[in-house]
N, C-alpha and C. Protein backbone atom coordinates (compact mmCIF):
# COMPACT_ATOMS: atom_id res chain seq x y z
N MET A 1 -7.97 34.48 -48.22
CA MET A 1 -7.22 34.84 -47.04
C MET A 1 -8.02 34.59 -45.75
N GLU A 2 -9.24 35.00 -45.76
CA GLU A 2 -10.11 34.81 -44.60
C GLU A 2 -10.34 33.32 -44.33
N THR A 3 -10.51 32.55 -45.42
CA THR A 3 -10.73 31.10 -45.26
C THR A 3 -9.52 30.43 -44.67
N GLY A 4 -8.35 30.81 -45.10
CA GLY A 4 -7.10 30.25 -44.56
C GLY A 4 -6.91 30.63 -43.08
N LEU A 5 -7.23 31.81 -42.73
CA LEU A 5 -7.11 32.28 -41.34
C LEU A 5 -8.13 31.50 -40.47
N ALA A 6 -9.32 31.35 -40.94
CA ALA A 6 -10.34 30.61 -40.18
C ALA A 6 -9.93 29.13 -40.03
N THR A 7 -9.34 28.56 -41.02
CA THR A 7 -8.87 27.16 -40.92
C THR A 7 -7.77 27.03 -39.89
N ILE A 8 -6.85 27.98 -39.87
CA ILE A 8 -5.77 27.97 -38.87
C ILE A 8 -6.35 28.07 -37.44
N ILE A 9 -7.27 29.01 -37.23
CA ILE A 9 -7.88 29.21 -35.90
C ILE A 9 -8.63 27.94 -35.46
N ILE A 10 -9.41 27.35 -36.37
CA ILE A 10 -10.15 26.14 -36.00
C ILE A 10 -9.15 24.99 -35.76
N GLY A 11 -8.10 24.90 -36.55
CA GLY A 11 -7.09 23.85 -36.37
C GLY A 11 -6.40 23.96 -35.01
N VAL A 12 -6.04 25.17 -34.62
CA VAL A 12 -5.44 25.37 -33.31
C VAL A 12 -6.38 24.99 -32.21
N GLY A 13 -7.67 25.35 -32.35
CA GLY A 13 -8.70 25.03 -31.37
C GLY A 13 -8.95 23.52 -31.24
N VAL A 14 -9.00 22.85 -32.33
CA VAL A 14 -9.18 21.39 -32.35
C VAL A 14 -7.95 20.70 -31.74
N SER A 15 -6.74 21.20 -32.08
CA SER A 15 -5.55 20.62 -31.51
C SER A 15 -5.53 20.76 -29.97
N ALA A 16 -5.92 21.90 -29.48
CA ALA A 16 -5.95 22.14 -28.04
C ALA A 16 -6.99 21.24 -27.40
N LEU A 17 -8.13 21.06 -28.03
CA LEU A 17 -9.16 20.21 -27.47
C LEU A 17 -8.67 18.75 -27.41
N VAL A 18 -7.99 18.28 -28.41
CA VAL A 18 -7.46 16.87 -28.42
C VAL A 18 -6.46 16.71 -27.30
N GLN A 19 -5.57 17.71 -27.11
CA GLN A 19 -4.59 17.66 -26.02
C GLN A 19 -5.28 17.64 -24.65
N LEU A 20 -6.33 18.42 -24.52
CA LEU A 20 -7.10 18.45 -23.27
C LEU A 20 -7.73 17.11 -22.95
N LEU A 21 -8.29 16.50 -23.97
CA LEU A 21 -8.90 15.15 -23.81
C LEU A 21 -7.84 14.11 -23.41
N ALA A 22 -6.68 14.16 -24.03
CA ALA A 22 -5.61 13.25 -23.71
C ALA A 22 -5.14 13.40 -22.24
N LYS A 23 -4.96 14.65 -21.82
CA LYS A 23 -4.57 14.92 -20.43
C LYS A 23 -5.67 14.44 -19.46
N GLY A 24 -6.93 14.64 -19.80
CA GLY A 24 -8.05 14.21 -18.95
C GLY A 24 -8.07 12.70 -18.82
N THR A 25 -7.78 11.98 -19.92
CA THR A 25 -7.75 10.55 -19.92
C THR A 25 -6.59 10.05 -19.00
N ILE A 26 -5.46 10.63 -19.10
CA ILE A 26 -4.28 10.25 -18.28
C ILE A 26 -4.63 10.53 -16.80
N SER A 27 -5.19 11.66 -16.49
CA SER A 27 -5.56 12.01 -15.12
C SER A 27 -6.55 11.01 -14.60
N ASN A 28 -7.51 10.60 -15.43
CA ASN A 28 -8.50 9.65 -14.99
C ASN A 28 -7.88 8.29 -14.66
N LEU A 29 -6.96 7.83 -15.49
CA LEU A 29 -6.22 6.57 -15.25
C LEU A 29 -5.40 6.68 -13.95
N ASP A 30 -4.72 7.78 -13.75
CA ASP A 30 -3.94 7.96 -12.52
C ASP A 30 -4.82 7.95 -11.27
N GLY A 31 -5.99 8.54 -11.39
CA GLY A 31 -6.96 8.56 -10.31
C GLY A 31 -7.48 7.16 -10.00
N ALA A 32 -7.71 6.40 -11.01
CA ALA A 32 -8.16 5.01 -10.85
C ALA A 32 -7.10 4.17 -10.21
N ASP A 33 -5.84 4.35 -10.62
CA ASP A 33 -4.74 3.61 -10.02
C ASP A 33 -4.55 3.98 -8.51
N LEU A 34 -4.68 5.25 -8.20
CA LEU A 34 -4.56 5.71 -6.82
C LEU A 34 -5.67 5.15 -5.97
N THR A 35 -6.91 5.09 -6.47
CA THR A 35 -8.03 4.52 -5.73
C THR A 35 -7.76 3.00 -5.49
N THR A 36 -7.28 2.34 -6.49
CA THR A 36 -6.98 0.88 -6.31
C THR A 36 -5.89 0.69 -5.25
N ALA A 37 -4.84 1.52 -5.34
CA ALA A 37 -3.70 1.40 -4.41
C ALA A 37 -4.16 1.67 -2.97
N VAL A 38 -5.00 2.70 -2.77
CA VAL A 38 -5.47 3.02 -1.44
C VAL A 38 -6.29 1.85 -0.88
N ASN A 39 -7.11 1.27 -1.69
CA ASN A 39 -7.93 0.08 -1.25
C ASN A 39 -7.04 -1.10 -0.93
N LEU A 40 -6.00 -1.31 -1.69
CA LEU A 40 -5.10 -2.45 -1.40
C LEU A 40 -4.34 -2.21 -0.10
N ALA A 41 -3.93 -1.02 0.15
CA ALA A 41 -3.22 -0.68 1.41
C ALA A 41 -4.18 -0.86 2.59
N ASN A 42 -5.42 -0.38 2.39
CA ASN A 42 -6.42 -0.50 3.47
C ASN A 42 -6.77 -1.96 3.75
N SER A 43 -6.61 -2.84 2.77
CA SER A 43 -6.88 -4.23 3.02
C SER A 43 -5.90 -4.78 4.05
N ILE A 44 -4.61 -4.41 3.88
CA ILE A 44 -3.62 -4.88 4.87
C ILE A 44 -3.90 -4.21 6.25
N HIS A 45 -4.24 -2.95 6.20
CA HIS A 45 -4.56 -2.26 7.46
C HIS A 45 -5.68 -2.96 8.21
N GLU A 46 -6.74 -3.27 7.49
CA GLU A 46 -7.88 -3.96 8.09
C GLU A 46 -7.48 -5.35 8.57
N LEU A 47 -6.64 -6.01 7.85
CA LEU A 47 -6.18 -7.37 8.21
C LEU A 47 -5.39 -7.31 9.52
N THR A 48 -4.48 -6.37 9.66
CA THR A 48 -3.62 -6.28 10.87
C THR A 48 -4.41 -5.75 12.08
N TYR A 49 -5.51 -5.11 11.81
CA TYR A 49 -6.28 -4.50 12.96
C TYR A 49 -6.72 -5.55 13.95
N GLY A 50 -7.11 -6.72 13.48
CA GLY A 50 -7.61 -7.75 14.36
C GLY A 50 -6.56 -8.70 14.94
N LEU A 51 -5.29 -8.47 14.62
CA LEU A 51 -4.23 -9.39 15.06
C LEU A 51 -3.67 -8.98 16.41
N SER A 52 -3.05 -9.98 17.08
CA SER A 52 -2.38 -9.69 18.36
C SER A 52 -1.13 -8.83 18.11
N PHE A 53 -0.77 -8.06 19.13
CA PHE A 53 0.40 -7.20 19.04
C PHE A 53 1.64 -8.07 18.91
N ALA A 54 1.73 -9.13 19.72
CA ALA A 54 2.88 -10.07 19.70
C ALA A 54 2.28 -11.46 19.73
N ASP A 55 3.13 -12.42 19.37
CA ASP A 55 2.68 -13.80 19.32
C ASP A 55 2.31 -14.27 20.75
N PRO A 56 1.12 -14.90 20.89
CA PRO A 56 0.67 -15.31 22.23
C PRO A 56 1.56 -16.35 22.86
N VAL A 57 2.21 -17.19 22.05
CA VAL A 57 3.05 -18.25 22.62
C VAL A 57 4.51 -17.81 22.81
N THR A 58 5.06 -17.16 21.83
CA THR A 58 6.47 -16.66 21.89
C THR A 58 6.47 -15.19 21.64
N PRO A 59 6.13 -14.32 22.63
CA PRO A 59 5.99 -12.89 22.38
C PRO A 59 7.26 -12.19 21.98
N THR A 60 8.43 -12.74 22.25
CA THR A 60 9.69 -12.06 21.86
C THR A 60 10.17 -12.45 20.46
N HIS A 61 9.51 -13.39 19.82
CA HIS A 61 9.89 -13.83 18.48
C HIS A 61 9.43 -12.81 17.46
N TRP A 62 10.30 -12.50 16.50
CA TRP A 62 9.96 -11.51 15.46
C TRP A 62 9.77 -12.25 14.13
N GLY A 63 8.74 -11.92 13.41
CA GLY A 63 8.45 -12.59 12.14
C GLY A 63 7.60 -13.81 12.33
N PRO A 64 7.31 -14.48 11.21
CA PRO A 64 6.49 -15.68 11.31
C PRO A 64 7.20 -16.78 12.14
N GLU A 65 6.45 -17.46 12.97
CA GLU A 65 6.99 -18.52 13.78
C GLU A 65 7.16 -19.76 12.84
N THR A 66 7.97 -20.72 13.25
CA THR A 66 8.20 -21.90 12.45
C THR A 66 6.89 -22.57 12.09
N GLY A 67 6.71 -22.81 10.81
CA GLY A 67 5.54 -23.47 10.31
C GLY A 67 4.36 -22.54 9.98
N GLU A 68 4.48 -21.26 10.35
CA GLU A 68 3.38 -20.36 10.04
C GLU A 68 3.38 -19.99 8.56
N VAL A 69 2.24 -19.89 7.99
CA VAL A 69 1.99 -19.41 6.62
C VAL A 69 0.98 -18.32 6.71
N LEU A 70 0.76 -17.65 5.59
CA LEU A 70 -0.17 -16.50 5.54
C LEU A 70 -1.49 -16.81 6.28
N ALA A 71 -2.05 -17.93 6.05
CA ALA A 71 -3.35 -18.28 6.64
C ALA A 71 -3.30 -18.38 8.13
N THR A 72 -2.10 -18.64 8.69
CA THR A 72 -1.99 -18.85 10.17
C THR A 72 -1.24 -17.68 10.87
N TYR A 73 -0.87 -16.62 10.12
CA TYR A 73 -0.20 -15.50 10.81
C TYR A 73 -1.16 -15.03 11.89
N ASN A 74 -0.64 -14.90 13.14
CA ASN A 74 -1.47 -14.57 14.25
C ASN A 74 -1.07 -13.29 15.02
N ASP A 75 0.00 -12.64 14.53
CA ASP A 75 0.39 -11.37 15.14
C ASP A 75 0.94 -10.43 14.06
N VAL A 76 1.01 -9.17 14.39
CA VAL A 76 1.36 -8.13 13.38
C VAL A 76 2.78 -8.37 12.78
N ASP A 77 3.77 -8.70 13.65
CA ASP A 77 5.13 -8.79 13.17
C ASP A 77 5.33 -9.96 12.19
N ASP A 78 4.37 -10.87 12.06
CA ASP A 78 4.45 -11.94 11.08
C ASP A 78 4.52 -11.38 9.63
N PHE A 79 3.95 -10.18 9.47
CA PHE A 79 3.86 -9.60 8.15
C PHE A 79 5.10 -8.80 7.75
N ASP A 80 6.03 -8.64 8.68
CA ASP A 80 7.23 -7.85 8.38
C ASP A 80 8.00 -8.46 7.20
N GLY A 81 8.25 -7.63 6.19
CA GLY A 81 9.08 -8.06 4.99
C GLY A 81 8.27 -8.86 3.99
N GLN A 82 6.98 -9.03 4.21
CA GLN A 82 6.21 -9.79 3.24
C GLN A 82 5.82 -8.97 2.03
N VAL A 83 5.84 -9.59 0.88
CA VAL A 83 5.42 -8.97 -0.41
C VAL A 83 4.40 -9.87 -0.97
N PHE A 84 3.23 -9.29 -1.27
CA PHE A 84 2.13 -10.05 -1.88
C PHE A 84 1.87 -9.58 -3.29
N SER A 85 2.16 -10.46 -4.25
CA SER A 85 1.97 -10.18 -5.63
C SER A 85 1.51 -11.47 -6.33
N PRO A 86 0.27 -11.60 -6.72
CA PRO A 86 -0.77 -10.57 -6.64
C PRO A 86 -1.12 -10.24 -5.18
N PRO A 87 -1.71 -9.08 -4.97
CA PRO A 87 -2.03 -8.63 -3.65
C PRO A 87 -3.12 -9.47 -2.99
N ILE A 88 -3.30 -9.23 -1.67
CA ILE A 88 -4.34 -9.97 -0.93
C ILE A 88 -5.33 -8.97 -0.39
N ASP A 89 -6.49 -9.50 -0.03
CA ASP A 89 -7.52 -8.68 0.59
C ASP A 89 -7.49 -8.90 2.10
N ALA A 90 -8.42 -8.26 2.83
CA ALA A 90 -8.42 -8.33 4.26
C ALA A 90 -8.76 -9.71 4.84
N ARG A 91 -9.24 -10.61 3.96
CA ARG A 91 -9.52 -11.97 4.36
C ARG A 91 -8.39 -12.94 4.00
N ARG A 92 -7.30 -12.36 3.52
CA ARG A 92 -6.04 -13.08 3.14
C ARG A 92 -6.24 -13.86 1.83
N GLN A 93 -7.23 -13.49 1.07
CA GLN A 93 -7.47 -14.08 -0.22
C GLN A 93 -6.67 -13.39 -1.34
N SER A 94 -6.07 -14.15 -2.19
CA SER A 94 -5.30 -13.57 -3.30
C SER A 94 -6.23 -12.92 -4.33
N LEU A 95 -5.85 -11.74 -4.74
CA LEU A 95 -6.66 -11.00 -5.75
C LEU A 95 -6.01 -11.24 -7.13
N SER A 96 -6.29 -12.35 -7.70
CA SER A 96 -5.63 -12.80 -8.91
C SER A 96 -5.85 -11.91 -10.12
N ASN A 97 -6.89 -11.09 -10.10
CA ASN A 97 -7.12 -10.18 -11.24
C ASN A 97 -6.29 -8.88 -11.10
N PHE A 98 -5.42 -8.76 -10.13
CA PHE A 98 -4.48 -7.62 -9.96
C PHE A 98 -3.06 -8.12 -10.12
N THR A 99 -2.80 -8.80 -11.24
CA THR A 99 -1.52 -9.42 -11.43
C THR A 99 -0.32 -8.44 -11.48
N ASN A 100 -0.55 -7.23 -11.90
CA ASN A 100 0.55 -6.23 -12.00
C ASN A 100 0.69 -5.40 -10.78
N TRP A 101 0.03 -5.76 -9.70
CA TRP A 101 0.03 -5.00 -8.46
C TRP A 101 0.76 -5.80 -7.39
N SER A 102 1.33 -5.10 -6.40
CA SER A 102 1.97 -5.76 -5.26
C SER A 102 1.83 -4.89 -4.02
N GLN A 103 1.80 -5.58 -2.88
CA GLN A 103 1.79 -4.95 -1.58
C GLN A 103 3.05 -5.37 -0.80
N SER A 104 3.83 -4.42 -0.30
CA SER A 104 5.02 -4.69 0.47
C SER A 104 4.73 -4.19 1.88
N VAL A 105 5.00 -5.02 2.89
CA VAL A 105 4.67 -4.69 4.25
C VAL A 105 5.98 -4.59 5.06
N SER A 106 6.07 -3.51 5.84
CA SER A 106 7.20 -3.34 6.74
C SER A 106 6.64 -3.06 8.13
N VAL A 107 7.14 -3.83 9.13
CA VAL A 107 6.72 -3.63 10.52
C VAL A 107 7.99 -3.32 11.34
N GLN A 108 7.96 -2.21 12.06
CA GLN A 108 9.09 -1.83 12.87
C GLN A 108 8.65 -1.47 14.26
N LYS A 109 9.50 -1.82 15.24
CA LYS A 109 9.27 -1.33 16.60
C LYS A 109 9.81 0.05 16.68
N VAL A 110 9.05 0.94 17.32
CA VAL A 110 9.49 2.32 17.44
C VAL A 110 9.42 2.73 18.90
N ASP A 111 10.26 3.72 19.24
CA ASP A 111 10.29 4.25 20.59
C ASP A 111 8.96 5.00 20.82
N VAL A 112 8.30 4.64 21.87
CA VAL A 112 6.99 5.22 22.21
C VAL A 112 7.08 6.72 22.43
N ASN A 113 8.26 7.20 22.82
CA ASN A 113 8.44 8.65 23.06
C ASN A 113 8.95 9.40 21.88
N ARG A 114 9.48 8.68 20.89
CA ARG A 114 9.99 9.28 19.64
C ARG A 114 9.58 8.34 18.53
N LEU A 115 8.42 8.53 17.96
CA LEU A 115 7.88 7.60 17.00
C LEU A 115 8.66 7.46 15.71
N VAL A 116 9.63 8.36 15.53
CA VAL A 116 10.44 8.26 14.29
C VAL A 116 11.72 7.39 14.57
N THR A 117 11.95 7.01 15.82
CA THR A 117 13.15 6.26 16.15
C THR A 117 12.82 4.74 16.17
N VAL A 118 13.47 4.04 15.25
CA VAL A 118 13.31 2.57 15.18
C VAL A 118 14.18 1.95 16.21
N VAL A 119 13.66 0.97 16.95
CA VAL A 119 14.46 0.25 17.97
C VAL A 119 14.63 -1.22 17.53
N PRO A 120 15.64 -1.90 18.05
CA PRO A 120 15.88 -3.28 17.62
C PRO A 120 14.68 -4.17 17.98
N ASN A 121 14.52 -5.21 17.18
CA ASN A 121 13.36 -6.10 17.39
C ASN A 121 13.39 -6.79 18.75
N ALA A 122 14.55 -7.01 19.32
CA ALA A 122 14.65 -7.70 20.60
C ALA A 122 14.18 -6.80 21.74
N THR A 123 14.12 -5.47 21.52
CA THR A 123 13.73 -4.51 22.50
C THR A 123 12.19 -4.61 22.74
N VAL A 124 11.81 -4.58 24.00
CA VAL A 124 10.37 -4.62 24.29
C VAL A 124 9.83 -3.19 24.19
N MET A 125 9.03 -2.93 23.26
CA MET A 125 8.42 -1.62 23.03
C MET A 125 6.95 -1.81 22.71
N PRO A 126 6.11 -1.03 23.29
CA PRO A 126 4.68 -1.19 23.14
C PRO A 126 4.09 -0.50 21.87
N THR A 127 4.96 -0.15 20.90
CA THR A 127 4.45 0.54 19.71
C THR A 127 5.12 -0.04 18.46
N LEU A 128 4.30 -0.36 17.48
CA LEU A 128 4.75 -0.82 16.15
C LEU A 128 4.33 0.17 15.08
N ARG A 129 5.21 0.33 14.11
CA ARG A 129 4.89 1.15 12.94
C ARG A 129 4.74 0.24 11.71
N VAL A 130 3.62 0.25 11.10
CA VAL A 130 3.42 -0.60 9.95
C VAL A 130 3.28 0.24 8.71
N THR A 131 4.02 -0.09 7.66
CA THR A 131 4.02 0.66 6.40
C THR A 131 3.68 -0.33 5.29
N VAL A 132 2.72 0.02 4.48
CA VAL A 132 2.38 -0.78 3.30
C VAL A 132 2.66 0.07 2.08
N THR A 133 3.44 -0.44 1.17
CA THR A 133 3.79 0.24 -0.07
C THR A 133 3.10 -0.56 -1.21
N VAL A 134 2.27 0.12 -1.99
CA VAL A 134 1.56 -0.56 -3.08
C VAL A 134 2.21 -0.10 -4.40
N GLN A 135 2.55 -1.09 -5.24
CA GLN A 135 3.17 -0.82 -6.51
C GLN A 135 2.30 -1.37 -7.66
N HIS A 136 2.39 -0.70 -8.76
CA HIS A 136 1.71 -1.14 -9.98
C HIS A 136 2.73 -1.05 -11.12
N LEU A 137 2.97 -2.20 -11.74
CA LEU A 137 3.96 -2.32 -12.82
C LEU A 137 5.34 -1.80 -12.37
N GLY A 138 5.66 -2.12 -11.07
CA GLY A 138 6.97 -1.79 -10.52
C GLY A 138 7.13 -0.36 -10.04
N GLN A 139 6.10 0.47 -10.19
CA GLN A 139 6.14 1.85 -9.76
C GLN A 139 5.31 2.02 -8.50
N THR A 140 5.86 2.71 -7.50
CA THR A 140 5.12 2.94 -6.27
C THR A 140 3.98 3.95 -6.54
N VAL A 141 2.76 3.48 -6.22
CA VAL A 141 1.56 4.33 -6.40
C VAL A 141 1.13 4.98 -5.10
N TYR A 142 1.32 4.24 -4.01
CA TYR A 142 0.82 4.74 -2.71
C TYR A 142 1.52 4.01 -1.59
N ALA A 143 1.74 4.75 -0.50
CA ALA A 143 2.27 4.13 0.73
C ALA A 143 1.46 4.66 1.89
N GLU A 144 1.16 3.78 2.85
CA GLU A 144 0.37 4.15 4.00
C GLU A 144 1.09 3.63 5.25
N THR A 145 1.12 4.44 6.28
CA THR A 145 1.75 4.08 7.52
C THR A 145 0.79 4.32 8.69
N TRP A 146 0.80 3.39 9.67
CA TRP A 146 -0.01 3.59 10.87
C TRP A 146 0.76 2.99 12.07
N LEU A 147 0.30 3.39 13.24
CA LEU A 147 0.89 2.85 14.46
C LEU A 147 -0.05 1.88 15.16
N ILE A 148 0.50 0.87 15.80
CA ILE A 148 -0.24 -0.04 16.61
C ILE A 148 0.41 -0.07 17.98
N THR A 149 -0.39 0.07 19.02
CA THR A 149 0.13 0.07 20.34
C THR A 149 -0.32 -1.20 21.03
N GLN A 150 0.45 -1.65 22.00
CA GLN A 150 0.11 -2.86 22.75
C GLN A 150 -1.17 -2.60 23.52
N GLY A 151 -2.04 -3.57 23.47
CA GLY A 151 -3.33 -3.39 24.17
C GLY A 151 -4.38 -2.82 23.29
N GLN A 152 -4.08 -2.50 22.04
CA GLN A 152 -5.02 -1.87 21.12
C GLN A 152 -5.97 -2.89 20.58
């Protein structure tokens, strides 16, 4: 009787320990995915930091100008609607070892007095809201938003 009871107690303890290890492994993987996603979003943030607010030649044009490609994007709104899969780094280099990851970029003009209010692209506004959504295997892992003001 005592041996059977001891076996049951040890079995329950081992089962709980195995479940704890499994949960720890899953949490560790989620943490690694989140770290990767934050770094991928920050790559786009760093990339847009050095760009012009508007195109130097055609400041009222929204999106990439005719003939522009990723390597020649010269203002922030060129990135609006772009999806990079595999993702890119801050030097615009493709990260081919992240094949199951993607970065989606949204650039919106917002009212400088009400940053939650999106205004039409034709409107002259000195504030842009950039949002990068990072996905892994089709699931959103992280999204980051920041504001860019004209003259920044």
